[in-house]
């Protein structure tokens, strides 16, 4: 049996095309395209950033985690990444693809640990380390120091690069030679970006992870008392939503079985239990971010599965209609019994469709009800934290006022002491003069 080949590569451009619709010309001028190599694993694209300005290549580890069925936060804990080990947006305000960007060496270690080093052999291959491309904004072109040998020379263009699939590249000679291809700065096939929801989900999880690490470092030096006393409603609500979505993805029906909710889970290599959320607001934020990505991934899987089912149903309906019409043409006369049966079948189908619509609407209502519960719980948390913050601020102001009063008392006390010293000194001088006068 032949061994499976590594996943071939594609050339893609990370580009925030939404900025092109803004009237701010300065913002347009700053918007760049970021060339990448892409390999698709388990219907999830993984990118290798080869932009010349970054001086080295980066791998989208968040997509790597997603392709293996783990969330971004789970991957951060699993590989014990520190904030200096990765980039999110390279401190670029309009960066089109926020993710956990790690070095190629780190990505190779992750792929080896996850058992996918063979599938990503090309994407993580050392033979591509010298490949770089850059975006020349002023001339609307992309410059490369590599070429794809399977594309004919006369057809070589950015469009051909974006549509090609390849497993090797060539470096032109001499090494200073650059290949230039023109590009239109508008949305087109081969350009990718993350919208505000996806970018916000990444930044949220990174922020929660960073705050959790900082809080742990503080607690190691000085123990901190728990700041929350929750009933676990956040845990139950999110676990219930995820359970329902997983049931729908597997083709099951809601309401037929009792939900079985787990009170513990693994976030990477960190065990997390329901009662732990009562001890830290940051841990609650971390858990909420993880569950948000899990729910989003389940929604994507459910959408993909329904898209696969719908095209298969349409040809069957068309075939049934054609068979029915052909039978009618052969017989010449429509049978009354068959007409009645067809009418009954159509009525049953309509009833089933109405039931399906009601079922879907019920699912949507259940989902929105749970989202309302989460929103209400978040509002309560926000209100309680705001109240606590106001108490802290009032205590702080009171302490500052007391400190100012103490300073004023100290200043007045010093003035009184000085005046007392002056008076005492004056009295001693007068006594000395009087004694000296009487002696004479």
Protein backbone atom coordinates (compact mmCIF):
# COMPACT_ATOMS: atom_id res chain seq x y z
CA UNK A 1 0.00 0.00 0.00
CA UNK A 2 1.46 3.33 -1.09
CA UNK A 3 2.10 5.88 1.61
CA UNK A 4 -0.12 8.97 1.46
CA UNK A 5 1.52 12.00 -0.10
CA UNK A 6 1.96 15.30 1.77
CA UNK A 7 -0.73 17.90 1.19
CA UNK A 8 0.15 20.07 -1.85
CA UNK A 9 0.46 23.83 -1.49
CA UNK A 10 -1.40 26.82 -2.86
CA UNK A 11 -0.40 30.48 -3.03
CA UNK A 12 -2.80 32.78 -1.15
CA UNK A 13 -2.91 36.47 -0.19
CA UNK A 14 -4.02 37.74 3.20
CA UNK A 15 -5.75 41.03 2.44
CA UNK A 16 -8.26 43.21 4.28
CA UNK A 17 -10.41 44.15 1.29
CA UNK A 18 -12.98 45.90 3.51
CA UNK A 19 -10.54 48.79 3.93
CA UNK A 20 -10.75 49.44 0.18
CA UNK A 21 -14.34 50.59 0.64
CA UNK A 22 -13.39 53.19 3.24
CA UNK A 23 -13.10 56.84 2.17
CA UNK A 24 -9.89 57.24 4.17
CA UNK A 25 -7.16 57.37 1.51
CA UNK A 26 -4.38 57.19 4.11
CA UNK A 27 -5.82 53.94 5.47
CA UNK A 28 -5.95 52.50 1.97
CA UNK A 29 -2.33 53.36 1.42
CA UNK A 30 -1.29 51.45 4.52
CA UNK A 31 -3.26 48.31 3.64
CA UNK A 32 -0.92 45.62 2.39
CA UNK A 33 -1.27 42.14 0.97
CA UNK A 34 0.56 39.40 2.84
CA UNK A 35 1.64 36.43 0.66
CA UNK A 36 1.32 32.93 2.10
CA UNK A 37 1.53 29.24 1.24
CA UNK A 38 -1.62 27.28 2.15
CA UNK A 39 -2.22 23.61 2.93
CA UNK A 40 -5.75 22.39 3.67
CA UNK A 41 -6.01 19.74 6.41
CA UNK A 42 -9.44 18.37 7.43
CA UNK A 43 -11.17 21.18 5.48
CA UNK A 44 -9.21 23.75 7.49
CA UNK A 45 -6.66 26.01 5.75
CA UNK A 46 -3.27 26.40 7.43
CA UNK A 47 -1.06 29.27 6.28
CA UNK A 48 2.68 29.86 6.09
CA UNK A 49 3.37 33.60 5.99
CA UNK A 50 6.24 34.39 3.60
CA UNK A 51 6.12 38.18 3.56
CA UNK A 52 9.60 39.66 3.08
CA UNK A 53 9.20 42.40 5.72
CA UNK A 54 8.91 39.85 8.55
CA UNK A 55 12.37 38.42 7.72
CA UNK A 56 11.26 34.88 8.63
CA UNK A 57 8.29 32.62 8.05
CA UNK A 58 5.33 32.19 10.42
CA UNK A 59 2.71 29.42 10.66
CA UNK A 60 -0.93 29.99 11.67
CA UNK A 61 -0.96 27.71 14.72
CA UNK A 62 -4.58 28.57 15.54
CA UNK A 63 -5.65 26.98 12.24
CA UNK A 64 -3.33 24.06 12.99
CA UNK A 65 -5.14 23.52 16.30
CA UNK A 66 -8.55 23.83 14.62
CA UNK A 67 -7.65 21.22 11.99
CA UNK A 68 -6.96 18.78 14.83
CA UNK A 69 -10.22 19.47 16.66
CA UNK A 70 -8.83 21.56 19.52
CA UNK A 71 -9.57 25.18 20.33
CA UNK A 72 -7.05 27.97 20.32
CA UNK A 73 -6.95 28.19 24.12
CA UNK A 74 -6.51 24.42 24.43
CA UNK A 75 -3.55 24.64 22.06
CA UNK A 76 -1.98 27.46 24.08
CA UNK A 77 -2.17 25.37 27.25
CA UNK A 78 -1.21 22.14 25.51
CA UNK A 79 2.08 23.54 24.22
CA UNK A 80 2.60 25.91 27.18
CA UNK A 81 3.10 28.94 24.93
CA UNK A 82 4.25 32.20 26.48
CA UNK A 83 3.28 35.60 25.13
CA UNK A 84 6.76 36.06 23.62
CA UNK A 85 6.43 32.78 21.70
CA UNK A 86 3.86 34.00 19.17
CA UNK A 87 2.36 36.97 17.35
CA UNK A 88 -1.32 37.79 16.88
CA UNK A 89 -1.42 40.72 14.45
CA UNK A 90 2.27 41.78 14.38
CA UNK A 91 1.14 45.10 15.94
CA UNK A 92 -0.45 46.03 12.60
CA UNK A 93 -3.78 47.81 13.10
CA UNK A 94 -5.54 46.44 9.99
CA UNK A 95 -3.84 43.04 9.81
CA UNK A 96 -6.25 40.83 7.82
CA UNK A 97 -5.74 37.48 9.60
CA UNK A 98 -5.40 37.52 13.39
CA UNK A 99 -4.18 34.15 14.62
CA UNK A 100 -1.50 32.50 16.75
CA UNK A 101 1.47 32.99 14.42
CA UNK A 102 4.46 30.90 15.51
CA UNK A 103 7.84 30.20 13.95
CA UNK A 104 8.23 27.28 11.55
CA UNK A 105 10.39 25.41 14.08
CA UNK A 106 7.66 25.68 16.72
CA UNK A 107 5.05 24.56 14.18
CA UNK A 108 7.17 21.50 13.31
CA UNK A 109 7.28 20.58 16.99
CA UNK A 110 3.49 20.98 17.22
CA UNK A 111 2.89 18.89 14.09
CA UNK A 112 5.16 16.14 15.46
CA UNK A 113 3.27 16.13 18.78
CA UNK A 114 -0.10 15.99 16.99
CA UNK A 115 1.03 13.28 14.57
CA UNK A 116 0.52 15.29 11.36
CA UNK A 117 4.13 15.97 10.44
CA UNK A 118 3.80 13.85 7.26
CA UNK A 119 0.61 15.55 6.02
CA UNK A 120 2.21 18.99 6.50
CA UNK A 121 5.60 17.90 5.20
CA UNK A 122 5.50 20.43 2.35
CA UNK A 123 4.04 23.35 4.31
CA UNK A 124 6.69 22.94 7.04
CA UNK A 125 9.47 21.85 4.69
CA UNK A 126 12.92 23.40 4.97
CA UNK A 127 13.16 23.68 1.17
CA UNK A 128 10.73 26.64 1.33
CA UNK A 129 12.63 28.58 4.01
CA UNK A 130 14.33 30.79 1.42
CA UNK A 131 11.08 31.72 -0.38
CA UNK A 132 9.84 35.27 0.10
CA UNK A 133 7.28 37.53 -1.55
CA UNK A 134 6.41 41.17 -0.94
CA UNK A 135 3.66 43.60 -1.87
CA UNK A 136 4.62 46.71 -3.85
CA UNK A 137 1.67 49.01 -3.15
CA UNK A 138 2.78 51.88 -5.38
CA UNK A 139 2.99 49.67 -8.49
CA UNK A 140 0.18 47.20 -7.67
CA UNK A 141 2.43 44.20 -8.01
CA UNK A 142 3.78 41.24 -6.04
CA UNK A 143 7.51 40.48 -6.13
CA UNK A 144 8.78 36.92 -5.64
CA UNK A 145 12.20 35.29 -5.41
CA UNK A 146 10.71 31.91 -6.38
CA UNK A 147 8.69 30.41 -9.23
CA UNK A 148 6.31 27.50 -9.73
CA UNK A 149 7.80 25.29 -12.48
CA UNK A 150 4.42 23.81 -13.53
CA UNK A 151 3.11 27.20 -14.74
CA UNK A 152 4.14 28.01 -18.33
CA UNK A 153 6.30 31.09 -18.68
CA UNK A 154 3.86 32.91 -21.01
CA UNK A 155 0.94 32.29 -18.62
CA UNK A 156 2.79 33.25 -15.45
CA UNK A 157 0.71 35.76 -13.46
CA UNK A 158 -0.73 36.36 -10.01
CA UNK A 159 -4.01 34.75 -11.11
CA UNK A 160 -2.14 31.64 -12.31
CA UNK A 161 -0.28 31.48 -8.99
CA UNK A 162 -3.52 31.76 -6.98
CA UNK A 163 -5.17 28.99 -8.99
CA UNK A 164 -2.18 26.61 -9.13
CA UNK A 165 -1.47 23.67 -6.82
CA UNK A 166 2.18 22.70 -6.47
CA UNK A 167 4.57 20.61 -4.40
CA UNK A 168 7.87 22.27 -5.34
CA UNK A 169 9.30 25.65 -6.32
CA UNK A 170 12.39 26.87 -8.12
CA UNK A 171 14.73 29.71 -7.19
CA UNK A 172 15.60 31.88 -10.23
CA UNK A 173 19.23 32.55 -11.06
CA UNK A 174 20.97 34.79 -10.26
CA UNK A 175 19.64 35.04 -6.68
CA UNK A 176 19.08 38.81 -7.02
CA UNK A 177 16.54 38.28 -9.80
CA UNK A 178 12.91 38.99 -8.83
CA UNK A 179 9.70 37.82 -10.47
CA UNK A 180 7.01 40.53 -10.67
CA UNK A 181 3.30 39.83 -11.14
CA UNK A 182 0.49 42.39 -11.29
CA UNK A 183 -2.41 42.32 -8.82
CA UNK A 184 -5.76 44.11 -8.52
CA UNK A 185 -6.39 45.48 -5.02
CA UNK A 186 -9.96 44.24 -4.70
CA UNK A 187 -11.69 41.15 -3.36
CA UNK A 188 -11.12 38.11 -5.55
CA UNK A 189 -10.54 34.38 -5.40
CA UNK A 190 -7.36 33.51 -3.52
CA UNK A 191 -7.60 36.42 -1.08
CA UNK A 192 -8.55 35.62 2.51
CA UNK A 193 -9.24 37.58 5.68
CA UNK A 194 -10.95 37.11 9.03
CA UNK A 195 -14.01 39.19 9.82
CA UNK A 196 -14.55 41.04 13.10
CA UNK A 197 -16.17 38.03 14.77
CA UNK A 198 -13.30 35.66 14.02
CA UNK A 199 -10.63 38.24 14.87
CA UNK A 200 -12.45 39.16 18.07
CA UNK A 201 -12.63 35.50 19.10
CA UNK A 202 -8.87 35.11 18.64
CA UNK A 203 -7.99 38.31 20.51
CA UNK A 204 -10.44 37.48 23.29
CA UNK A 205 -8.87 34.07 23.91
CA UNK A 206 -5.34 35.47 23.79
CA UNK A 207 -6.29 38.24 26.24
CA UNK A 208 -7.93 35.76 28.64
CA UNK A 209 -4.89 33.46 28.42
CA UNK A 210 -2.50 36.35 29.06
CA UNK A 211 -4.50 37.58 32.06
CA UNK A 212 -4.67 34.05 33.45
CA UNK A 213 -0.88 33.66 33.23
CA UNK A 214 -0.34 37.04 34.91
CA UNK A 215 -2.84 36.22 37.67
CA UNK A 216 -1.14 32.89 38.32
CA UNK A 217 2.23 34.63 38.58
CA UNK A 218 0.78 37.07 41.14
CA UNK A 219 -0.85 34.29 43.15
CA UNK A 220 2.44 32.38 43.29
CA UNK A 221 4.00 35.37 45.05
CA UNK A 222 1.01 36.42 47.16
CA UNK A 223 -2.20 34.38 47.66
CA UNK A 224 -5.38 36.16 46.56
CA UNK A 225 -8.80 35.45 48.06
CA UNK A 226 -11.57 34.31 45.68
CA UNK A 227 -13.47 37.21 44.14
CA UNK A 228 -16.48 35.27 42.80
CA UNK A 229 -19.23 33.19 44.33
CA UNK A 230 -21.20 31.83 41.38
CA UNK A 231 -23.72 29.03 41.10
CA UNK A 232 -22.15 27.55 37.95
CA UNK A 233 -24.85 28.85 35.60
CA UNK A 234 -22.30 30.01 33.01
CA UNK A 235 -20.81 26.51 32.86
CA UNK A 236 -24.22 24.80 32.59
CA UNK A 237 -25.57 27.19 29.93
CA UNK A 238 -22.56 26.92 27.62
CA UNK A 239 -22.23 23.16 28.06
CA UNK A 240 -25.93 22.78 27.22
CA UNK A 241 -25.66 24.87 24.05
CA UNK A 242 -22.60 22.91 22.90
CA UNK A 243 -24.33 19.59 23.65
CA UNK A 244 -27.38 20.57 21.57
CA UNK A 245 -25.23 21.67 18.64
CA UNK A 246 -23.24 18.42 18.75
CA UNK A 247 -26.51 16.45 18.79
CA UNK A 248 -27.75 18.31 15.69
CA UNK A 249 -24.40 17.78 13.93
CA UNK A 250 -24.66 14.01 14.51
CA UNK A 251 -28.16 14.03 13.01
CA UNK A 252 -30.01 13.61 16.28
CA UNK A 253 -33.09 15.42 17.52
CA UNK A 254 -33.44 17.69 20.50
CA UNK A 255 -35.82 16.76 23.27
CA UNK A 256 -35.64 12.98 22.67
CA UNK A 257 -32.87 12.38 25.19
CA UNK A 258 -31.86 14.02 28.44
CA UNK A 259 -28.81 16.26 28.25
CA UNK A 260 -25.79 14.81 30.02
CA UNK A 261 -23.51 17.69 31.00
CA UNK A 262 -19.96 17.07 32.16
CA UNK A 263 -18.66 18.95 35.19
CA UNK A 264 -15.03 18.80 34.06
CA UNK A 265 -13.03 19.16 30.87
CA UNK A 266 -9.47 19.49 29.64
CA UNK A 267 -8.25 22.81 28.24
CA UNK A 268 -5.07 21.66 26.54
CA UNK A 269 -3.15 19.99 29.35
CA UNK A 270 -4.95 21.91 32.13
CA UNK A 271 -7.86 20.19 33.93
CA UNK A 272 -10.84 22.49 34.43
CA UNK A 273 -13.80 21.79 36.72
CA UNK A 274 -17.10 23.55 37.21
CA UNK A 275 -16.31 24.63 40.76
CA UNK A 276 -13.04 26.23 39.64
CA UNK A 277 -15.02 29.01 37.91
CA UNK A 278 -16.19 30.26 41.31
CA UNK A 279 -12.63 31.17 42.25
CA UNK A 280 -11.50 33.50 39.50
CA UNK A 281 -13.14 35.91 37.07
CA UNK A 282 -10.20 35.42 34.70
CA UNK A 283 -10.71 31.66 34.72
CA UNK A 284 -14.36 32.26 33.90
CA UNK A 285 -13.32 34.48 30.99
CA UNK A 286 -10.95 31.76 29.81
CA UNK A 287 -13.66 29.11 29.92
CA UNK A 288 -16.17 31.35 28.12
CA UNK A 289 -13.67 32.05 25.34
CA UNK A 290 -12.96 28.33 24.87
CA UNK A 291 -16.65 27.45 24.72
CA UNK A 292 -17.35 30.30 22.29
CA UNK A 293 -14.88 28.82 19.80
CA UNK A 294 -16.23 25.29 20.32
CA UNK A 295 -19.77 26.54 19.62
CA UNK A 296 -18.59 28.44 16.54
CA UNK A 297 -16.80 25.33 15.20
CA UNK A 298 -19.92 23.19 15.73
CA UNK A 299 -22.04 25.76 13.85
CA UNK A 300 -19.57 25.57 10.93
CA UNK A 301 -19.73 21.74 10.91
CA UNK A 302 -23.53 21.80 11.04
CA UNK A 303 -23.64 24.26 8.12
CA UNK A 304 -21.25 22.12 6.05
CA UNK A 305 -23.21 18.92 6.74
CA UNK A 306 -26.51 20.56 5.72
CA UNK A 307 -24.93 21.94 2.54
CA UNK A 308 -23.82 18.40 1.66
CA UNK A 309 -27.31 16.95 2.27
CA UNK A 310 -29.30 19.54 0.26
CA UNK A 311 -27.59 18.94 -3.15
CA UNK A 312 -28.20 15.17 -2.75
CA UNK A 313 -31.93 15.65 -2.12
CA UNK A 314 -32.52 17.79 -5.22
CA UNK A 315 -31.45 15.19 -7.86
CA UNK A 316 -33.66 12.55 -6.15
CA UNK A 317 -36.71 14.84 -6.35
CA UNK A 318 -35.99 15.62 -10.00
CA UNK A 319 -35.62 11.90 -10.80
CA UNK A 320 -38.91 11.05 -9.08
CA UNK A 321 -40.72 13.79 -11.01
CA UNK A 322 -39.27 12.58 -14.33
CA UNK A 323 -40.28 8.95 -13.60
CA UNK A 324 -43.82 10.04 -12.73
CA UNK A 325 -44.18 12.13 -15.88
CA UNK A 326 -42.85 9.31 -18.08
CA UNK A 327 -45.34 6.84 -16.59
CA UNK A 328 -48.17 9.27 -17.24
CA UNK A 329 -47.09 9.69 -20.86
CA UNK A 330 -47.04 5.91 -21.39
CA UNK A 331 -50.44 5.23 -19.83
CA UNK A 332 -52.07 8.26 -21.39
CA UNK A 333 -54.67 8.45 -18.61
CA UNK A 334 -53.95 9.29 -15.00
CA UNK A 335 -55.25 6.70 -12.57
CA UNK A 336 -57.62 8.05 -9.92
CA UNK A 337 -56.05 5.91 -7.22
CA UNK A 338 -52.54 7.10 -8.08
CA UNK A 339 -53.80 10.68 -8.07
CA UNK A 340 -55.26 10.19 -4.61
CA UNK A 341 -52.04 8.55 -3.43
CA UNK A 342 -49.96 11.38 -4.88
CA UNK A 343 -52.19 13.94 -3.20
CA UNK A 344 -51.90 12.11 0.12
CA UNK A 345 -48.12 11.88 -0.27
CA UNK A 346 -47.90 15.58 -1.08
CA UNK A 347 -50.01 16.42 1.96
CA UNK A 348 -47.80 14.22 4.13
CA UNK A 349 -44.70 15.86 2.69
CA UNK A 350 -46.16 19.31 3.36
CA UNK A 351 -46.99 18.29 6.91
CA UNK A 352 -43.47 16.92 7.37
CA UNK A 353 -42.00 20.14 5.97
CA UNK A 354 -44.15 22.22 8.32
CA UNK A 355 -43.08 20.00 11.20
CA UNK A 356 -39.44 20.44 10.19
CA UNK A 357 -39.91 24.21 10.06
CA UNK A 358 -41.50 24.15 13.51
CA UNK A 359 -38.69 21.91 14.74
CA UNK A 360 -36.03 24.27 13.37
CA UNK A 361 -37.82 27.27 14.84
CA UNK A 362 -37.99 25.45 18.19
CA UNK A 363 -34.25 24.79 18.00
CA UNK A 364 -33.62 28.44 17.23
CA UNK A 365 -35.83 29.50 20.13
CA UNK A 366 -33.99 27.16 22.50
CA UNK A 367 -30.67 28.46 21.26
CA UNK A 368 -31.72 32.10 21.63
CA UNK A 369 -33.16 31.39 25.09
CA UNK A 370 -29.83 30.01 26.22
CA UNK A 371 -27.99 32.93 24.66
CA UNK A 372 -30.34 35.24 26.60
CA UNK A 373 -29.42 33.40 29.80
CA UNK A 374 -25.74 33.87 29.03
CA UNK A 375 -26.27 37.55 28.24
CA UNK A 376 -28.20 38.00 31.50
CA UNK A 377 -25.47 36.26 33.47
CA UNK A 378 -22.80 38.40 31.82
CA UNK A 379 -24.82 41.52 32.63
CA UNK A 380 -25.04 40.47 36.27
CA UNK A 381 -21.31 39.85 36.36
CA UNK A 382 -20.69 43.25 34.78
CA UNK A 383 -23.02 45.00 37.23
CA UNK A 384 -21.45 43.29 40.23
CA UNK A 385 -17.91 44.01 39.04
CA UNK A 386 -18.89 47.65 38.38
CA UNK A 387 -20.32 47.95 41.88
CA UNK A 388 -17.20 46.40 43.36
CA UNK A 389 -15.04 48.76 41.30
CA UNK A 390 -17.02 51.76 42.56
CA UNK A 391 -16.54 50.59 46.15
CA UNK A 392 -12.82 50.23 45.57
CA UNK A 393 -12.66 53.71 44.02
CA UNK A 394 -14.61 55.24 46.93
CA UNK A 395 -12.33 53.53 49.43
CA UNK A 396 -9.36 54.76 47.48
CA UNK A 397 -10.67 58.33 47.49
CA UNK A 398 -11.34 58.12 51.22
CA UNK A 399 -7.85 56.83 51.84
CA UNK A 400 -6.37 59.64 49.73
CA UNK A 401 -8.36 62.25 51.66
CA UNK A 402 -7.19 60.77 54.97
CA UNK A 403 -3.64 60.79 53.70
CA UNK A 404 -3.96 64.44 52.69
CA UNK A 405 -5.37 65.31 56.13
CA UNK A 406 -2.46 63.53 57.76
CA UNK A 407 -0.01 65.47 55.61
CA UNK A 408 -1.68 68.77 56.52
CA UNK A 409 -1.64 67.85 60.22
CA UNK A 410 2.03 66.96 59.94
CA UNK A 411 2.84 70.28 58.25
CA UNK A 412 0.93 72.24 60.90
CA UNK A 413 2.62 70.23 63.65
CA UNK A 414 6.02 71.02 62.19
CA UNK A 415 5.14 74.71 62.07
CA UNK A 416 4.01 74.66 65.71
CA UNK A 417 7.20 72.90 66.76
CA UNK A 418 9.30 75.47 64.95
CA UNK A 419 7.43 78.35 66.58
CA UNK A 420 7.80 76.69 69.99
CA UNK A 421 11.51 76.28 69.46
CA UNK A 422 11.80 79.96 68.50
CA UNK A 423 9.92 81.03 71.62
CA UNK A 424 12.00 78.79 73.88
CA UNK A 425 15.18 80.09 72.33
CA UNK A 426 13.98 83.68 72.76
CA UNK A 427 13.16 83.06 76.44
CA UNK A 428 16.60 81.58 77.05
CA UNK A 429 18.23 84.58 75.39
CA UNK A 430 16.19 87.01 77.49
CA UNK A 431 17.01 85.13 80.71
CA UNK A 432 20.67 85.10 79.81
CA UNK A 433 20.67 88.84 79.12
CA UNK A 434 18.84 89.57 82.39
CA UNK A 435 21.28 87.48 84.41
CA UNK A 436 24.23 89.03 82.65
CA UNK A 437 22.85 92.54 83.35
CA UNK A 438 22.33 91.93 87.08
CA UNK A 439 25.86 90.54 87.45
CA UNK A 440 27.31 93.79 86.21
